[in-house]
Amino acid sequence: MSDGAPAYGLWSLVVVNSVVFIAFAYSFFKPQTSRDWRSFGAFSAFLVALFVEMYGFPLTIYFLSGWLQSRFPGIDWFSHDAGHLLEMMFGWKTNPHAGPFHILSFVLIGAGFLLISAAWSVLYDAQRTRSLATSGPYSYVRHPQYVGFILVMSGFLVQWPTILTLAMFPVLTTMYVKLARDEERDARAEFGGAYSRYAAEVPGFIPKLGRLLGRAPSSDYRHG
């Protein structure tokens, strides 16, 4: 037995991190409709599942421990740092918190939260004036908030992959696509041809390369 601090079983950290990150996400997203709450609730479930394995019980490590130990001997797979599976498996000779996957995860998570926040600001102004949201992030993709959630989840998966969150990721992504389609039906009913022109010009989730490079939209979907 080691006299060091325990790597897992830290349920208070599970609760604290879940509350902090969910509250942080809430401050960016500010759900209002039932559809908003469904998407936010699913994202919150992903965060809870992540932190349970990060600090509570390492289900993925237990499940894969035999394979991991045989393929990567010499690593204490039940130490906390070993939960950064990609850093360990690629054998970076550095603290996993300063490794390339960890840095990439922060870039993805930060970009996701910034996108959610920027999109909410545009959407709030559009809803207040009962107009179509087409500026800011909405000039690149039609569903920037859902893209933001996907980026944040991707970042956490890069940082701390688990079996449960890997299984949840495609389910939640599919749910976001379905919610986006529901929103588009509502928008077409409200804005008619204006939304159809907007949807023809702006992709749903993956921005056009030319638009990322600063090229202006080829048509004015914001009027008429």
Protein backbone atom coordinates (compact mmCIF):
# COMPACT_ATOMS: atom_id res chain seq x y z
CA MET A 1 0.00 0.00 0.00
CA SER A 2 1.14 3.55 -0.70
CA ASP A 3 0.90 6.42 1.74
CA GLY A 4 0.14 8.79 -1.12
CA ALA A 5 -3.21 10.38 -1.77
CA PRO A 6 -5.78 8.03 -3.27
CA ALA A 7 -6.16 8.20 -7.04
CA TYR A 8 -9.89 7.40 -7.00
CA GLY A 9 -12.82 7.23 -4.62
CA LEU A 10 -12.76 11.01 -4.41
CA TRP A 11 -16.52 11.44 -4.64
CA SER A 12 -16.45 14.98 -3.30
CA LEU A 13 -14.37 15.93 -6.35
CA VAL A 14 -16.90 14.19 -8.59
CA VAL A 15 -19.65 16.37 -7.14
CA VAL A 16 -17.63 19.61 -7.11
CA ASN A 17 -16.33 19.23 -10.68
CA SER A 18 -19.74 18.19 -12.01
CA VAL A 19 -21.45 21.17 -10.38
CA VAL A 20 -18.76 23.65 -11.47
CA PHE A 21 -18.64 22.53 -15.11
CA ILE A 22 -22.41 22.17 -15.44
CA ALA A 23 -22.89 25.64 -13.95
CA PHE A 24 -20.17 26.98 -16.24
CA ALA A 25 -21.90 25.44 -19.27
CA TYR A 26 -25.25 26.82 -18.07
CA SER A 27 -23.80 30.34 -17.91
CA PHE A 28 -22.76 30.02 -21.56
CA PHE A 29 -25.84 28.23 -22.94
CA LYS A 30 -28.68 29.61 -20.78
CA PRO A 31 -31.36 27.03 -21.73
CA GLN A 32 -34.89 28.37 -22.03
CA THR A 33 -37.04 26.04 -24.10
CA SER A 34 -37.74 22.35 -23.45
CA ARG A 35 -35.52 21.59 -26.44
CA ASP A 36 -32.70 23.60 -24.85
CA TRP A 37 -33.08 21.72 -21.60
CA ARG A 38 -32.95 18.34 -23.37
CA SER A 39 -29.68 19.19 -25.07
CA PHE A 40 -28.23 20.71 -21.89
CA GLY A 41 -29.38 17.75 -19.78
CA ALA A 42 -27.70 15.27 -22.11
CA PHE A 43 -24.49 17.28 -22.02
CA SER A 44 -24.66 17.39 -18.20
CA ALA A 45 -25.04 13.59 -18.08
CA PHE A 46 -21.89 13.29 -20.20
CA LEU A 47 -19.98 15.48 -17.72
CA VAL A 48 -21.17 13.49 -14.70
CA ALA A 49 -20.18 10.20 -16.37
CA LEU A 50 -16.76 11.66 -17.15
CA PHE A 51 -16.03 12.91 -13.63
CA VAL A 52 -17.27 9.69 -12.02
CA GLU A 53 -14.50 7.84 -13.85
CA MET A 54 -11.96 10.64 -13.48
CA TYR A 55 -12.24 10.84 -9.69
CA GLY A 56 -14.68 8.20 -8.45
CA PHE A 57 -14.39 4.72 -9.92
CA PRO A 58 -12.11 3.99 -12.96
CA LEU A 59 -14.42 1.54 -14.72
CA THR A 60 -12.55 1.80 -18.02
CA ILE A 61 -9.17 1.12 -16.40
CA TYR A 62 -10.58 -1.91 -14.56
CA PHE A 63 -12.17 -3.24 -17.72
CA LEU A 64 -9.04 -2.79 -19.84
CA SER A 65 -6.41 -3.37 -17.14
CA GLY A 66 -5.29 -6.78 -18.41
CA TRP A 67 -4.84 -5.61 -21.99
CA LEU A 68 -3.22 -2.34 -20.93
CA GLN A 69 -0.74 -4.06 -18.61
CA SER A 70 0.28 -6.57 -21.27
CA ARG A 71 0.70 -3.97 -24.01
CA PHE A 72 2.18 -1.18 -21.88
CA PRO A 73 4.13 -2.75 -18.99
CA GLY A 74 5.81 -0.55 -16.46
CA ILE A 75 2.86 1.85 -16.10
CA ASP A 76 0.86 1.98 -12.89
CA TRP A 77 -2.53 1.98 -14.58
CA PHE A 78 -4.32 2.70 -11.32
CA SER A 79 -2.46 5.93 -10.71
CA HIS A 80 -4.47 9.04 -11.49
CA ASP A 81 -2.18 10.23 -14.28
CA ALA A 82 -2.70 6.95 -16.13
CA GLY A 83 -6.31 7.95 -16.74
CA HIS A 84 -4.92 10.17 -19.50
CA LEU A 85 -4.94 7.08 -21.68
CA LEU A 86 -3.80 8.65 -24.93
CA GLU A 87 -0.81 10.32 -23.31
CA MET A 88 0.17 7.02 -21.67
CA MET A 89 -0.37 4.84 -24.73
CA PHE A 90 1.63 7.14 -27.01
CA GLY A 91 4.43 7.18 -24.46
CA TRP A 92 5.06 10.91 -24.30
CA LYS A 93 7.95 11.49 -21.92
CA THR A 94 6.30 14.39 -20.12
CA ASN A 95 3.73 15.14 -17.46
CA PRO A 96 0.40 14.15 -19.05
CA HIS A 97 -1.06 17.49 -18.04
CA ALA A 98 1.48 19.17 -20.34
CA GLY A 99 1.27 16.60 -23.12
CA PRO A 100 -0.01 17.30 -26.64
CA PHE A 101 -3.35 15.53 -26.16
CA HIS A 102 -4.05 17.47 -22.97
CA ILE A 103 -3.21 20.75 -24.69
CA LEU A 104 -5.41 19.79 -27.66
CA SER A 105 -8.25 18.99 -25.25
CA PHE A 106 -8.07 22.47 -23.73
CA VAL A 107 -8.14 24.03 -27.19
CA LEU A 108 -11.26 22.05 -28.13
CA ILE A 109 -13.01 22.67 -24.80
CA GLY A 110 -12.21 26.38 -24.83
CA ALA A 111 -13.28 26.78 -28.45
CA GLY A 112 -16.51 24.93 -27.73
CA PHE A 113 -17.49 27.11 -24.77
CA LEU A 114 -16.59 30.30 -26.64
CA LEU A 115 -18.70 29.19 -29.61
CA ILE A 116 -21.67 28.38 -27.36
CA SER A 117 -21.40 31.78 -25.70
CA ALA A 118 -21.03 33.74 -28.94
CA ALA A 119 -23.92 31.88 -30.55
CA TRP A 120 -26.21 32.44 -27.57
CA SER A 121 -25.59 36.19 -27.72
CA VAL A 122 -26.57 36.33 -31.39
CA LEU A 123 -29.57 34.05 -30.88
CA TYR A 124 -30.80 36.07 -27.90
CA ASP A 125 -30.77 39.30 -29.94
CA ALA A 126 -32.54 37.56 -32.82
CA GLN A 127 -35.25 36.14 -30.55
CA ARG A 128 -35.74 39.52 -28.91
CA THR A 129 -36.38 41.17 -32.29
CA ARG A 130 -38.13 38.08 -33.76
CA SER A 131 -35.61 37.94 -36.59
CA LEU A 132 -33.47 35.23 -38.14
CA ALA A 133 -30.06 34.64 -36.50
CA THR A 134 -27.52 34.83 -39.34
CA SER A 135 -24.59 36.84 -38.00
CA GLY A 136 -21.50 35.88 -35.98
CA PRO A 137 -21.19 32.09 -35.62
CA TYR A 138 -24.51 31.68 -37.46
CA SER A 139 -22.87 32.98 -40.63
CA TYR A 140 -20.58 29.93 -40.60
CA VAL A 141 -22.90 27.13 -39.47
CA ARG A 142 -26.63 26.96 -38.77
CA HIS A 143 -26.25 25.23 -35.39
CA PRO A 144 -23.17 26.69 -33.68
CA GLN A 145 -24.31 25.90 -30.14
CA TYR A 146 -24.62 22.20 -30.91
CA VAL A 147 -21.23 22.33 -32.64
CA GLY A 148 -19.91 23.91 -29.44
CA PHE A 149 -21.24 21.07 -27.30
CA ILE A 150 -19.68 18.52 -29.66
CA LEU A 151 -16.33 20.33 -29.47
CA VAL A 152 -16.40 20.35 -25.67
CA MET A 153 -17.25 16.64 -25.52
CA SER A 154 -14.51 15.88 -28.05
CA GLY A 155 -12.04 17.78 -25.90
CA PHE A 156 -12.92 15.79 -22.81
CA LEU A 157 -12.68 12.54 -24.77
CA VAL A 158 -9.18 13.45 -25.95
CA GLN A 159 -8.17 14.34 -22.40
CA TRP A 160 -9.76 11.43 -20.51
CA PRO A 161 -11.37 8.77 -22.75
CA THR A 162 -13.72 6.30 -21.08
CA ILE A 163 -15.87 3.49 -22.38
CA LEU A 164 -19.08 5.14 -21.16
CA THR A 165 -18.38 8.59 -22.59
CA LEU A 166 -17.18 7.07 -25.87
CA ALA A 167 -20.50 5.22 -26.05
CA MET A 168 -22.45 8.35 -25.14
CA PHE A 169 -20.73 10.58 -27.69
CA PRO A 170 -22.39 9.23 -30.89
CA VAL A 171 -25.74 8.98 -29.09
CA LEU A 172 -25.59 12.62 -27.98
CA THR A 173 -24.32 13.77 -31.38
CA THR A 174 -27.25 12.01 -33.05
CA MET A 175 -29.61 13.63 -30.56
CA TYR A 176 -28.20 17.07 -31.36
CA VAL A 177 -28.67 16.45 -35.09
CA LYS A 178 -32.31 15.49 -34.48
CA LEU A 179 -32.88 18.54 -32.29
CA ALA A 180 -31.32 20.70 -35.00
CA ARG A 181 -33.76 19.29 -37.56
CA ASP A 182 -36.67 20.08 -35.24
CA GLU A 183 -35.41 23.64 -34.90
CA GLU A 184 -35.11 23.97 -38.66
CA ARG A 185 -38.73 22.89 -39.15
CA ASP A 186 -39.81 25.58 -36.71
CA ALA A 187 -37.59 28.19 -38.39
CA ARG A 188 -38.94 27.36 -41.86
CA ALA A 189 -42.48 27.67 -40.55
CA GLU A 190 -41.70 31.09 -39.06
CA PHE A 191 -39.34 32.62 -41.64
CA GLY A 192 -40.27 30.77 -44.84
CA GLY A 193 -38.14 31.60 -47.86
CA ALA A 194 -35.61 33.62 -45.87
CA TYR A 195 -34.64 30.55 -43.90
CA SER A 196 -34.57 28.36 -47.01
CA ARG A 197 -32.09 30.75 -48.63
CA TYR A 198 -30.04 30.82 -45.44
CA ALA A 199 -29.99 27.01 -45.21
CA ALA A 200 -28.97 26.74 -48.87
CA GLU A 201 -25.98 29.01 -48.23
CA VAL A 202 -24.82 28.04 -44.73
CA PRO A 203 -24.03 24.41 -43.77
CA GLY A 204 -25.53 22.83 -40.68
CA PHE A 205 -22.48 21.74 -38.69
CA ILE A 206 -19.26 21.90 -40.74
CA PRO A 207 -18.34 25.36 -42.07
CA LYS A 208 -17.23 25.87 -45.65
CA LEU A 209 -13.49 26.34 -46.09
CA GLY A 210 -13.98 29.53 -48.12
CA ARG A 211 -16.10 31.07 -45.37
CA LEU A 212 -13.45 30.22 -42.77
CA LEU A 213 -10.92 32.00 -44.96
CA GLY A 214 -13.03 35.15 -44.86
CA ARG A 215 -14.97 34.87 -48.13
CA ALA A 216 -18.34 36.61 -47.98
CA PRO A 217 -21.58 34.62 -48.52
CA SER A 218 -22.47 34.20 -52.18
CA SER A 219 -26.05 35.38 -51.63
CA ASP A 220 -27.92 37.69 -49.29
CA TYR A 221 -30.15 35.35 -47.32
CA ARG A 222 -30.83 37.96 -44.66
CA HIS A 223 -33.51 39.85 -46.55
CA GLY A 224 -36.75 39.05 -48.23
